[in-house]
Amino acid sequence: MKRLFVGNLPSDATEETVQALFSEYGKVRSIQLVADIFSGKCRGFGFVGMEGHEARAAIAGLDGNLYCGKPLKVKFEDPAAGRNGRRH
């Protein structure tokens, strides 16, 4: 399974809306949206797990496309980025 970074999501994005968006390209295995600790709303990014060929299709089909008026950023997760949100 591949893990995709998804950025530029609207603050009202939910697991259900992201699932619907990515399911056009294959089976979504997992979704993890990063939420604001106080408001509970999406902070604009998250991660989606899909099989390799389906993940590549989702990147090709969604990266740069407008979603709620903003261009989505969809790419493979960068394991070099630190788990605490800082680049090393």
C-alpha atoms as a PDB file:
ATOM      1  CA  MET A   1       0.000   0.000   0.000  1.00  0.00           C
ATOM      2  CA  LYS A   2       1.177   3.530  -0.836  1.00  0.00           C
ATOM      3  CA  ARG A   3       0.466   6.572   1.286  1.00  0.00           C
ATOM      4  CA  LEU A   4      -0.408   9.802  -0.500  1.00  0.00           C
ATOM      5  CA  PHE A   5      -0.083  13.330   0.838  1.00  0.00           C
ATOM      6  CA  VAL A   6      -3.122  15.438  -0.040  1.00  0.00           C
ATOM      7  CA  GLY A   7      -2.825  19.195   0.380  1.00  0.00           C
ATOM      8  CA  ASN A   8      -4.921  22.286  -0.211  1.00  0.00           C
ATOM      9  CA  LEU A   9      -8.113  20.686   1.099  1.00  0.00           C
ATOM     10  CA  PRO A  10     -10.937  22.975   2.247  1.00  0.00           C
ATOM     11  CA  SER A  11     -11.515  23.343   5.991  1.00  0.00           C
ATOM     12  CA  ASP A  12     -14.876  21.563   5.682  1.00  0.00           C
ATOM     13  CA  ALA A  13     -13.319  18.450   4.101  1.00  0.00           C
ATOM     14  CA  THR A  14     -14.341  15.183   5.769  1.00  0.00           C
ATOM     15  CA  GLU A  15     -13.218  11.594   5.415  1.00  0.00           C
ATOM     16  CA  GLU A  16     -16.385  10.960   3.419  1.00  0.00           C
ATOM     17  CA  THR A  17     -15.732  13.737   0.884  1.00  0.00           C
ATOM     18  CA  VAL A  18     -12.097  12.696   0.449  1.00  0.00           C
ATOM     19  CA  GLN A  19     -13.169   9.051   0.103  1.00  0.00           C
ATOM     20  CA  ALA A  20     -15.608  10.011  -2.653  1.00  0.00           C
ATOM     21  CA  LEU A  21     -12.924  12.025  -4.445  1.00  0.00           C
ATOM     22  CA  PHE A  22     -10.280   9.278  -4.403  1.00  0.00           C
ATOM     23  CA  SER A  23     -12.568   6.259  -4.873  1.00  0.00           C
ATOM     24  CA  GLU A  24     -12.892   7.162  -8.565  1.00  0.00           C
ATOM     25  CA  TYR A  25      -9.300   5.892  -8.929  1.00  0.00           C
ATOM     26  CA  GLY A  26      -9.527   2.713  -6.849  1.00  0.00           C
ATOM     27  CA  LYS A  27     -10.115   1.323  -3.387  1.00  0.00           C
ATOM     28  CA  VAL A  28      -9.230   3.728  -0.583  1.00  0.00           C
ATOM     29  CA  ARG A  29      -7.574   1.710   2.195  1.00  0.00           C
ATOM     30  CA  SER A  30      -7.174   4.498   4.745  1.00  0.00           C
ATOM     31  CA  ILE A  31      -7.779   8.209   5.254  1.00  0.00           C
ATOM     32  CA  GLN A  32      -6.207  10.425   7.881  1.00  0.00           C
ATOM     33  CA  LEU A  33      -7.141  14.096   7.799  1.00  0.00           C
ATOM     34  CA  VAL A  34      -5.201  16.452  10.033  1.00  0.00           C
ATOM     35  CA  ALA A  35      -7.660  18.457  12.129  1.00  0.00           C
ATOM     36  CA  ASP A  36      -7.269  21.659  14.117  1.00  0.00           C
ATOM     37  CA  ILE A  37      -7.148  20.789  17.799  1.00  0.00           C
ATOM     38  CA  PHE A  38      -9.539  23.580  18.793  1.00  0.00           C
ATOM     39  CA  SER A  39     -12.083  23.790  15.972  1.00  0.00           C
ATOM     40  CA  GLY A  40     -11.929  20.155  14.836  1.00  0.00           C
ATOM     41  CA  LYS A  41     -11.926  21.338  11.203  1.00  0.00           C
ATOM     42  CA  CYS A  42      -9.523  20.053   8.585  1.00  0.00           C
ATOM     43  CA  ARG A  43      -6.213  21.941   8.571  1.00  0.00           C
ATOM     44  CA  GLY A  44      -6.050  21.618   4.790  1.00  0.00           C
ATOM     45  CA  PHE A  45      -4.110  18.401   4.412  1.00  0.00           C
ATOM     46  CA  GLY A  46      -4.149  14.706   5.127  1.00  0.00           C
ATOM     47  CA  PHE A  47      -3.059  11.285   3.944  1.00  0.00           C
ATOM     48  CA  VAL A  48      -4.761   8.633   1.830  1.00  0.00           C
ATOM     49  CA  GLY A  49      -3.681   4.999   1.554  1.00  0.00           C
ATOM     50  CA  MET A  50      -4.181   3.168  -1.748  1.00  0.00           C
ATOM     51  CA  GLU A  51      -2.532   0.363  -3.717  1.00  0.00           C
ATOM     52  CA  GLY A  52       0.394   1.434  -5.901  1.00  0.00           C
ATOM     53  CA  HIS A  53      -1.185   1.514  -9.359  1.00  0.00           C
ATOM     54  CA  GLU A  54      -4.361   3.120  -7.984  1.00  0.00           C
ATOM     55  CA  ALA A  55      -2.303   5.714  -6.098  1.00  0.00           C
ATOM     56  CA  ARG A  56      -0.430   6.632  -9.273  1.00  0.00           C
ATOM     57  CA  ALA A  57      -3.752   6.998 -11.110  1.00  0.00           C
ATOM     58  CA  ALA A  58      -5.071   9.262  -8.340  1.00  0.00           C
ATOM     59  CA  ILE A  59      -1.960  11.453  -8.532  1.00  0.00           C
ATOM     60  CA  ALA A  60      -2.270  11.710 -12.319  1.00  0.00           C
ATOM     61  CA  GLY A  61      -5.981  12.479 -12.121  1.00  0.00           C
ATOM     62  CA  LEU A  62      -6.144  14.821  -9.137  1.00  0.00           C
ATOM     63  CA  ASP A  63      -2.841  16.678  -8.675  1.00  0.00           C
ATOM     64  CA  GLY A  64      -3.328  20.299  -9.743  1.00  0.00           C
ATOM     65  CA  ASN A  65      -7.062  19.932 -10.390  1.00  0.00           C
ATOM     66  CA  LEU A  66      -9.393  22.443  -8.773  1.00  0.00           C
ATOM     67  CA  TYR A  67     -11.327  21.191  -5.759  1.00  0.00           C
ATOM     68  CA  CYS A  68     -13.580  23.712  -4.007  1.00  0.00           C
ATOM     69  CA  GLY A  69     -11.833  26.488  -5.916  1.00  0.00           C
ATOM     70  CA  LYS A  70      -8.260  25.532  -4.973  1.00  0.00           C
ATOM     71  CA  PRO A  71      -5.734  23.351  -6.838  1.00  0.00           C
ATOM     72  CA  LEU A  72      -5.183  20.060  -5.025  1.00  0.00           C
ATOM     73  CA  LYS A  73      -1.703  18.850  -4.198  1.00  0.00           C
ATOM     74  CA  VAL A  74      -1.513  15.057  -4.432  1.00  0.00           C
ATOM     75  CA  LYS A  75       1.809  13.209  -4.240  1.00  0.00           C
ATOM     76  CA  PHE A  76       3.451  10.256  -2.583  1.00  0.00           C
ATOM     77  CA  GLU A  77       4.174  10.895   1.081  1.00  0.00           C
ATOM     78  CA  ASP A  78       7.720  12.142   1.669  1.00  0.00           C
ATOM     79  CA  PRO A  79       9.232   9.844   4.310  1.00  0.00           C
ATOM     80  CA  ALA A  80      12.185  12.252   4.616  1.00  0.00           C
ATOM     81  CA  ALA A  81       9.876  14.828   6.221  1.00  0.00           C
ATOM     82  CA  GLY A  82      10.031  14.471   9.980  1.00  0.00           C
ATOM     83  CA  ARG A  83       7.108  13.025  11.857  1.00  0.00           C
ATOM     84  CA  ASN A  84       6.940  16.209  13.918  1.00  0.00           C
ATOM     85  CA  GLY A  85       6.132  18.255  10.818  1.00  0.00           C
ATOM     86  CA  ARG A  86       9.607  19.696  10.317  1.00  0.00           C
ATOM     87  CA  ARG A  87      11.967  18.890   7.508  1.00  0.00           C
ATOM     88  CA  HIS A  88      15.395  17.647   8.484  1.00  0.00           C
END
